[in-house]
Protein backbone atom coordinates (compact mmCIF):
# COMPACT_ATOMS: atom_id res chain seq x y z
CA UNK A 1 -44.67 -9.94 -6.24
CA UNK A 2 -41.92 -10.30 -3.61
CA UNK A 3 -40.22 -12.89 -5.80
CA UNK A 4 -40.31 -10.51 -8.76
CA UNK A 5 -38.83 -7.70 -6.69
CA UNK A 6 -36.10 -10.02 -5.42
CA UNK A 7 -35.25 -11.18 -8.96
CA UNK A 8 -35.08 -7.60 -10.21
CA UNK A 9 -32.82 -6.65 -7.32
CA UNK A 10 -30.51 -9.61 -8.00
CA UNK A 11 -30.30 -8.68 -11.69
CA UNK A 12 -29.51 -5.09 -10.75
CA UNK A 13 -26.76 -6.19 -8.39
CA UNK A 14 -25.20 -8.36 -11.09
CA UNK A 15 -25.26 -5.45 -13.53
CA UNK A 16 -23.66 -3.18 -10.91
CA UNK A 17 -21.00 -5.80 -10.14
CA UNK A 18 -20.16 -6.21 -13.83
CA UNK A 19 -19.92 -2.43 -14.17
CA UNK A 20 -17.58 -2.29 -11.19
CA UNK A 21 -15.23 -4.96 -12.56
CA UNK A 22 -15.18 -3.36 -16.02
CA UNK A 23 -14.13 -0.03 -14.49
CA UNK A 24 -11.71 -1.77 -12.13
CA UNK A 25 -9.95 -3.78 -14.83
CA UNK A 26 -9.82 -0.83 -17.25
CA UNK A 27 -8.36 1.43 -14.56
CA UNK A 28 -5.76 -1.05 -13.33
CA UNK A 29 -4.79 -1.94 -16.90
CA UNK A 30 -4.26 1.74 -17.75
CA UNK A 31 -2.23 2.76 -14.68
CA UNK A 32 -0.53 -0.53 -13.76
CA UNK A 33 -0.54 -3.54 -16.06
CA UNK A 34 0.28 -1.88 -19.39
CA UNK A 35 2.92 0.62 -18.10
CA UNK A 36 4.63 -2.12 -16.10
CA UNK A 37 4.87 -4.33 -19.16
CA UNK A 38 6.92 -1.63 -20.89
CA UNK A 39 8.99 -1.01 -17.78
CA UNK A 40 9.79 -4.74 -17.51
CA UNK A 41 11.14 -4.70 -21.08
CA UNK A 42 13.34 -1.74 -20.18
CA UNK A 43 14.54 -3.37 -16.96
CA UNK A 44 15.49 -6.55 -18.82
CA UNK A 45 17.71 -4.66 -21.24
CA UNK A 46 19.16 -1.94 -18.97
CA UNK A 47 19.00 -3.59 -15.51
CA UNK A 48 17.49 -0.35 -14.23
CA UNK A 49 14.00 1.11 -13.81
CA UNK A 50 15.18 4.71 -13.56
CA UNK A 51 16.68 7.06 -11.02
CA UNK A 52 15.83 7.09 -7.34
CA UNK A 53 13.05 9.47 -6.32
CA UNK A 54 15.47 10.64 -3.61
CA UNK A 55 18.22 12.56 -5.40
CA UNK A 56 21.68 11.73 -4.10
CA UNK A 57 20.35 9.21 -1.61
CA UNK A 58 23.07 8.05 0.79
CA UNK A 59 25.76 10.13 -0.87
CA UNK A 60 25.31 13.38 1.01
CA UNK A 61 23.41 14.81 3.93
CA UNK A 62 21.38 17.88 3.04
CA UNK A 63 19.60 18.16 6.39
CA UNK A 64 16.20 19.80 6.66
CA UNK A 65 15.22 21.52 3.43
CA UNK A 66 11.88 23.05 2.42
CA UNK A 67 13.08 23.06 -1.17
CA UNK A 68 13.69 19.32 -1.00
CA UNK A 69 10.22 18.94 0.50
CA UNK A 70 8.69 20.77 -2.45
CA UNK A 71 10.79 18.89 -5.01
CA UNK A 72 10.02 15.50 -3.49
CA UNK A 73 6.29 16.27 -3.26
CA UNK A 74 6.11 17.22 -6.94
CA UNK A 75 8.17 14.18 -8.01
CA UNK A 76 6.10 11.84 -5.86
CA UNK A 77 2.71 13.03 -7.07
CA UNK A 78 3.81 13.02 -10.70
CA UNK A 79 4.62 9.33 -10.15
CA UNK A 80 1.40 8.31 -8.42
CA UNK A 81 -1.41 10.72 -9.30
CA UNK A 82 -3.01 8.58 -12.01
CA UNK A 83 -2.99 5.48 -9.80
CA UNK A 84 -4.25 7.49 -6.83
CA UNK A 85 -7.21 8.85 -8.83
CA UNK A 86 -8.07 5.33 -9.98
CA UNK A 87 -7.74 4.09 -6.39
CA UNK A 88 -10.19 6.69 -5.08
CA UNK A 89 -12.65 5.85 -7.85
CA UNK A 90 -12.41 2.12 -7.10
CA UNK A 91 -12.57 2.71 -3.35
CA UNK A 92 -15.78 4.71 -3.75
CA UNK A 93 -17.40 2.44 -6.32
CA UNK A 94 -16.90 -0.68 -4.20
CA UNK A 95 -19.18 0.95 -1.61
CA UNK A 96 -22.10 1.43 -4.01
CA UNK A 97 -21.77 -1.24 -6.70
CA UNK A 98 -20.75 -4.37 -4.79
CA UNK A 99 -23.40 -5.92 -2.51
CA UNK A 100 -22.31 -5.80 1.11
CA UNK A 101 -23.30 -9.42 1.64
CA UNK A 102 -20.71 -10.41 -0.98
CA UNK A 103 -18.00 -8.51 0.87
CA UNK A 104 -19.06 -10.02 4.19
CA UNK A 105 -19.13 -13.52 2.76
CA UNK A 106 -15.53 -13.48 1.55
CA UNK A 107 -13.88 -10.70 3.58
CA UNK A 108 -16.10 -10.28 6.62
CA UNK A 109 -14.74 -13.10 8.75
CA UNK A 110 -11.75 -13.33 11.07
CA UNK A 111 -10.46 -16.70 9.90
CA UNK A 112 -7.24 -17.43 8.04
CA UNK A 113 -9.35 -18.05 4.94
CA UNK A 114 -10.48 -14.42 4.91
CA UNK A 115 -6.92 -13.19 5.37
CA UNK A 116 -5.75 -15.33 2.44
CA UNK A 117 -8.56 -14.02 0.22
CA UNK A 118 -7.60 -10.45 1.11
CA UNK A 119 -3.98 -11.28 0.27
CA UNK A 120 -4.86 -12.79 -3.10
CA UNK A 121 -7.02 -9.77 -3.94
CA UNK A 122 -4.08 -7.47 -3.26
CA UNK A 123 -1.63 -9.21 -5.60
CA UNK A 124 -3.05 -8.29 -9.05
CA UNK A 125 -3.97 -4.70 -8.15
CA UNK A 126 -0.25 -3.90 -7.72
CA UNK A 127 -0.70 -0.57 -5.95
CA UNK A 128 1.75 1.24 -3.74
CA UNK A 129 0.85 1.51 -0.07
CA UNK A 130 -0.79 4.94 -0.39
CA UNK A 131 -2.80 4.08 -3.48
CA UNK A 132 -4.10 0.88 -1.90
CA UNK A 133 -5.30 2.83 1.16
CA UNK A 134 -8.44 4.37 -0.45
CA UNK A 135 -9.51 0.95 -1.76
CA UNK A 136 -8.86 -0.51 1.69
CA UNK A 137 -11.07 2.19 3.22
CA UNK A 138 -13.77 1.40 0.66
CA UNK A 139 -13.70 -2.28 1.57
CA UNK A 140 -13.80 -1.30 5.24
CA UNK A 141 -16.97 0.72 4.77
CA UNK A 142 -18.50 -2.27 3.02
CA UNK A 143 -17.94 -4.16 6.28
CA UNK A 144 -14.85 -6.23 5.52
CA UNK A 145 -13.03 -7.43 8.64
CA UNK A 146 -9.83 -5.89 9.97
CA UNK A 147 -7.61 -8.87 9.11
CA UNK A 148 -8.98 -9.01 5.54
CA UNK A 149 -8.43 -5.35 4.77
CA UNK A 150 -4.98 -5.37 6.37
CA UNK A 151 -3.99 -8.36 4.23
CA UNK A 152 -5.20 -6.56 1.10
CA UNK A 153 -3.41 -3.36 2.16
CA UNK A 154 -0.05 -5.06 2.77
CA UNK A 155 -0.16 -7.52 -0.15
CA UNK A 156 -0.46 -4.73 -2.71
CA UNK A 157 3.07 -3.33 -2.26
CA UNK A 158 4.85 -6.36 -0.80
CA UNK A 159 3.68 -9.02 -3.28
CA UNK A 160 3.32 -6.84 -6.36
CA UNK A 161 4.24 -9.19 -9.29
CA UNK A 162 5.65 -6.36 -11.40
CA UNK A 163 7.90 -5.16 -8.59
CA UNK A 164 9.11 -8.71 -8.01
CA UNK A 165 10.05 -9.02 -11.69
CA UNK A 166 11.78 -5.62 -11.69
CA UNK A 167 13.64 -6.64 -8.56
CA UNK A 168 14.94 -9.83 -10.12
CA UNK A 169 16.06 -8.02 -13.29
CA UNK A 170 17.74 -5.13 -11.46
CA UNK A 171 18.93 -6.42 -8.08
CA UNK A 172 19.04 -10.18 -8.64
CA UNK A 173 16.57 -13.04 -8.29
CA UNK A 174 17.80 -13.84 -4.79
CA UNK A 175 16.23 -10.54 -3.71
CA UNK A 176 12.95 -11.55 -5.37
CA UNK A 177 12.86 -14.92 -3.60
CA UNK A 178 13.71 -13.25 -0.29
CA UNK A 179 10.93 -10.68 -0.81
CA UNK A 180 8.34 -13.33 -1.70
CA UNK A 181 9.07 -15.46 1.37
CA UNK A 182 9.24 -12.58 3.83
CA UNK A 183 6.38 -10.77 2.09
CA UNK A 184 3.98 -13.68 2.53
CA UNK A 185 5.02 -14.06 6.17
CA UNK A 186 4.58 -10.35 6.82
CA UNK A 187 1.17 -10.09 5.17
CA UNK A 188 -0.36 -13.12 6.88
CA UNK A 189 1.25 -12.58 10.29
CA UNK A 190 0.63 -8.84 10.58
CA UNK A 191 -2.94 -9.04 9.23
CA UNK A 192 -3.74 -11.84 11.67
CA UNK A 193 -2.12 -10.03 14.60
CA UNK A 194 -3.85 -6.72 13.91
CA UNK A 195 -7.17 -8.53 13.48
CA UNK A 196 -6.84 -10.44 16.74
CA UNK A 197 -5.71 -7.44 18.80
CA UNK A 198 -8.22 -5.03 17.31
CA UNK A 199 -10.93 -3.92 19.74
CA UNK A 200 -13.51 -4.26 17.00
CA UNK A 201 -13.18 -7.14 14.58
CA UNK A 202 -15.34 -5.09 12.27
CA UNK A 203 -13.76 -1.82 11.19
CA UNK A 204 -14.63 1.39 12.99
CA UNK A 205 -16.71 3.62 10.71
CA UNK A 206 -18.03 6.87 12.11
CA UNK A 207 -21.77 7.25 12.16
CA UNK A 208 -23.41 10.28 10.63
CA UNK A 209 -22.19 11.77 7.38
CA UNK A 210 -20.62 8.65 5.89
CA UNK A 211 -22.77 6.63 3.55
CA UNK A 212 -23.52 3.25 5.05
CA UNK A 213 -23.96 0.76 2.18
CA UNK A 214 -25.82 -1.66 4.45
CA UNK A 215 -28.83 0.62 4.80
CA UNK A 216 -31.39 0.81 2.01
CA UNK A 217 -32.29 4.33 0.95
CA UNK A 218 -33.98 6.11 -1.91
CA UNK A 219 -30.97 8.08 -3.12
CA UNK A 220 -29.83 7.65 -6.70
CA UNK A 221 -26.73 5.62 -7.50
CA UNK A 222 -24.89 8.73 -8.69
CA UNK A 223 -25.65 10.62 -5.48
CA UNK A 224 -24.56 7.71 -3.30
CA UNK A 225 -21.36 7.33 -5.30
CA UNK A 226 -20.61 11.06 -5.02
CA UNK A 227 -20.97 10.88 -1.24
CA UNK A 228 -18.53 7.97 -1.05
CA UNK A 229 -16.11 9.61 -3.51
CA UNK A 230 -16.21 13.02 -1.83
CA UNK A 231 -15.65 11.49 1.62
CA UNK A 232 -12.60 9.58 0.40
CA UNK A 233 -11.15 12.72 -1.20
CA UNK A 234 -11.64 14.83 1.92
CA UNK A 235 -10.27 12.08 4.18
CA UNK A 236 -7.26 11.41 1.94
CA UNK A 237 -5.81 14.32 0.01
CA UNK A 238 -5.13 17.02 2.68
CA UNK A 239 -3.21 14.68 4.99
CA UNK A 240 -1.60 13.04 1.97
CA UNK A 241 -0.07 16.28 0.65
CA UNK A 242 1.02 17.63 4.02
CA UNK A 243 2.76 14.46 5.24
CA UNK A 244 4.49 13.79 1.90
CA UNK A 245 5.84 17.35 1.99
CA UNK A 246 7.11 16.87 5.56
CA UNK A 247 8.83 13.61 4.66
CA UNK A 248 10.50 15.28 1.70
CA UNK A 249 11.60 18.16 3.93
CA UNK A 250 13.31 15.76 6.34
CA UNK A 251 14.52 13.44 3.58
CA UNK A 252 18.17 14.39 4.15
CA UNK A 253 17.86 13.50 7.85
CA UNK A 254 16.00 10.24 7.30
CA UNK A 255 18.45 9.05 4.64
CA UNK A 256 21.87 10.19 5.91
CA UNK A 257 25.19 9.60 4.17
CA UNK A 258 26.20 5.98 4.70
CA UNK A 259 29.97 6.24 4.27
CA UNK A 260 30.49 7.27 7.89
CA UNK A 261 30.14 3.82 9.41
CA UNK A 262 26.41 3.39 8.72
CA UNK A 263 26.79 1.04 5.77
CA UNK A 264 26.53 -2.09 7.91
CA UNK A 265 26.02 -3.47 11.40
CA UNK A 266 23.03 -3.51 13.73
CA UNK A 267 22.79 0.27 14.01
CA UNK A 268 22.38 0.50 10.24
CA UNK A 269 19.76 -2.29 10.27
CA UNK A 270 17.74 -0.49 12.98
CA UNK A 271 18.07 2.86 11.19
CA UNK A 272 16.98 1.61 7.78
CA UNK A 273 14.17 -0.54 9.21
CA UNK A 274 12.80 2.57 10.93
CA UNK A 275 13.31 4.85 7.93
CA UNK A 276 11.69 2.27 5.67
CA UNK A 277 8.64 2.06 7.92
CA UNK A 278 8.27 5.85 8.02
CA UNK A 279 9.03 6.91 4.47
CA UNK A 280 6.74 6.92 1.44
CA UNK A 281 7.62 5.81 -2.11
CA UNK A 282 5.76 5.08 -5.35
CA UNK A 283 5.40 1.52 -6.62
CA UNK A 284 8.79 -0.21 -7.02
CA UNK A 285 10.50 2.95 -5.75
CA UNK A 286 12.55 0.91 -3.30
CA UNK A 287 14.49 -0.72 -6.16
CA UNK A 288 16.44 2.32 -7.47
CA UNK A 289 16.93 3.55 -3.89
CA UNK A 290 18.45 0.22 -2.83
CA UNK A 291 20.44 0.02 -6.07
CA UNK A 292 21.99 3.44 -5.36
CA UNK A 293 22.72 2.62 -1.71
CA UNK A 294 24.32 -0.71 -2.57
CA UNK A 295 26.56 1.05 -5.09
CA UNK A 296 27.74 3.24 -2.20
CA UNK A 297 28.53 0.20 -0.04
CA UNK A 298 25.34 -0.60 1.89
CA UNK A 299 25.65 -4.17 3.16
CA UNK A 300 23.13 -7.00 2.99
CA UNK A 301 21.62 -6.58 6.49
CA UNK A 302 20.33 -3.00 6.23
CA UNK A 303 19.51 -3.60 2.56
CA UNK A 304 17.18 -6.46 3.54
CA UNK A 305 15.56 -4.32 6.23
CA UNK A 306 14.88 -1.55 3.72
CA UNK A 307 13.69 -4.06 1.11
CA UNK A 308 10.86 -5.22 3.37
CA UNK A 309 9.87 -2.05 5.21
CA UNK A 310 10.13 0.71 2.59
CA UNK A 311 7.28 -0.52 0.36
CA UNK A 312 5.13 -2.05 3.12
CA UNK A 313 3.75 1.00 4.92
CA UNK A 314 4.48 4.66 5.57
CA UNK A 315 3.15 7.24 7.96
CA UNK A 316 1.27 8.65 4.97
CA UNK A 317 -0.59 5.44 4.16
CA UNK A 318 -1.32 4.74 7.83
CA UNK A 319 -2.78 8.24 8.15
CA UNK A 320 -5.04 7.51 5.18
CA UNK A 321 -6.43 4.49 7.06
CA UNK A 322 -7.28 6.49 10.19
CA UNK A 323 -10.95 7.03 9.21
CA UNK A 324 -11.58 3.30 9.55
CA UNK A 325 -8.89 1.91 11.87
CA UNK A 326 -8.11 2.76 15.49
CA UNK A 327 -4.82 4.23 16.65
CA UNK A 328 -4.19 0.90 18.36
CA UNK A 329 -4.48 -1.05 15.09
CA UNK A 330 -2.32 1.48 13.23
CA UNK A 331 0.34 1.38 15.97
CA UNK A 332 0.42 -2.42 15.92
CA UNK A 333 0.85 -2.33 12.15
CA UNK A 334 3.73 0.16 12.36
CA UNK A 335 5.55 -1.73 15.10
CA UNK A 336 5.04 -5.08 13.37
CA UNK A 337 6.46 -3.85 10.07
CA UNK A 338 9.46 -2.37 11.89
CA UNK A 339 10.00 -5.64 13.79
CA UNK A 340 9.84 -7.66 10.58
CA UNK A 341 12.40 -5.26 9.13
CA UNK A 342 14.79 -6.09 11.96
CA UNK A 343 14.30 -9.83 11.45
CA UNK A 344 14.74 -9.42 7.70
CA UNK A 345 17.97 -7.53 8.34
CA UNK A 346 19.29 -10.34 10.53
CA UNK A 347 18.37 -13.07 8.03
CA UNK A 348 19.34 -11.03 4.99
CA UNK A 349 22.85 -10.45 6.36
CA UNK A 350 23.49 -14.18 5.88
CA UNK A 351 21.49 -15.06 2.76
CA UNK A 352 21.67 -12.04 0.47
């Protein structure tokens, strides 16, 4: 009898896993793979992927503007809403359709192997930093380790194959090679560092209202999924909207005019490394921003700093990870990305 129950449970888990991957592949194909194929064709012929999401970036200083905050918020969410919805669905489904022991087996450890697996998982999903956050939270609640989820989180924007292709077609293949090398270093090094310095090698998940996928219970699959989905929505969207609006409001301060001596030198590298770590963009949004700034005279050093920090994290995406990561881990991530931006600026000044 026990053997029969075990076999039935294994069959059910396989069916659930197949269902998850069907939904996952269909969702990623719809919001990422197919649109990016068309965008790559356009980039090859026009050497552009569209205008910068920041109107007039680097050309003028508009200061603090609520109107700019509203405009940026609308433009940003029109760019990412489909991918964000898919990300929340995937992040909730991974908690109820994928057996926790599978997650623990491949992503639950603190070894380099687990970090590499998390990195490889993040490459084909091709999400921006904010869209990868709900999936990262979902993996966290399925008991993946800190280094694994951080590798997945960072690999999505930094090693996105579509972005790398766009970058080569628009900015030049030297930028793509630079991004690949520094991207791999950043993902592995930061994920390892955050994992080692984290107080809890396992992620911090509050007890109580959150569904714990480890515990068996009699609730239906639909009810368990709704709990996971609803929790992700409540944890994500309010902070998401508010912080994006604030960043848009201060956009003119964060991205000042660069003709007044800020187009090169160490001050520019520090400024753009910091701005890149703070600011939020949709997938591949760094390419038209950098293209516009280079046209205005931005030199290789600050360009390299922005190239590595702008897609990697933002205060928005870090806020979305707060339900499962400590302030200490989030602070280490922020500082590490900023530090890598400075190093990239130094190296990029000579090789780009």
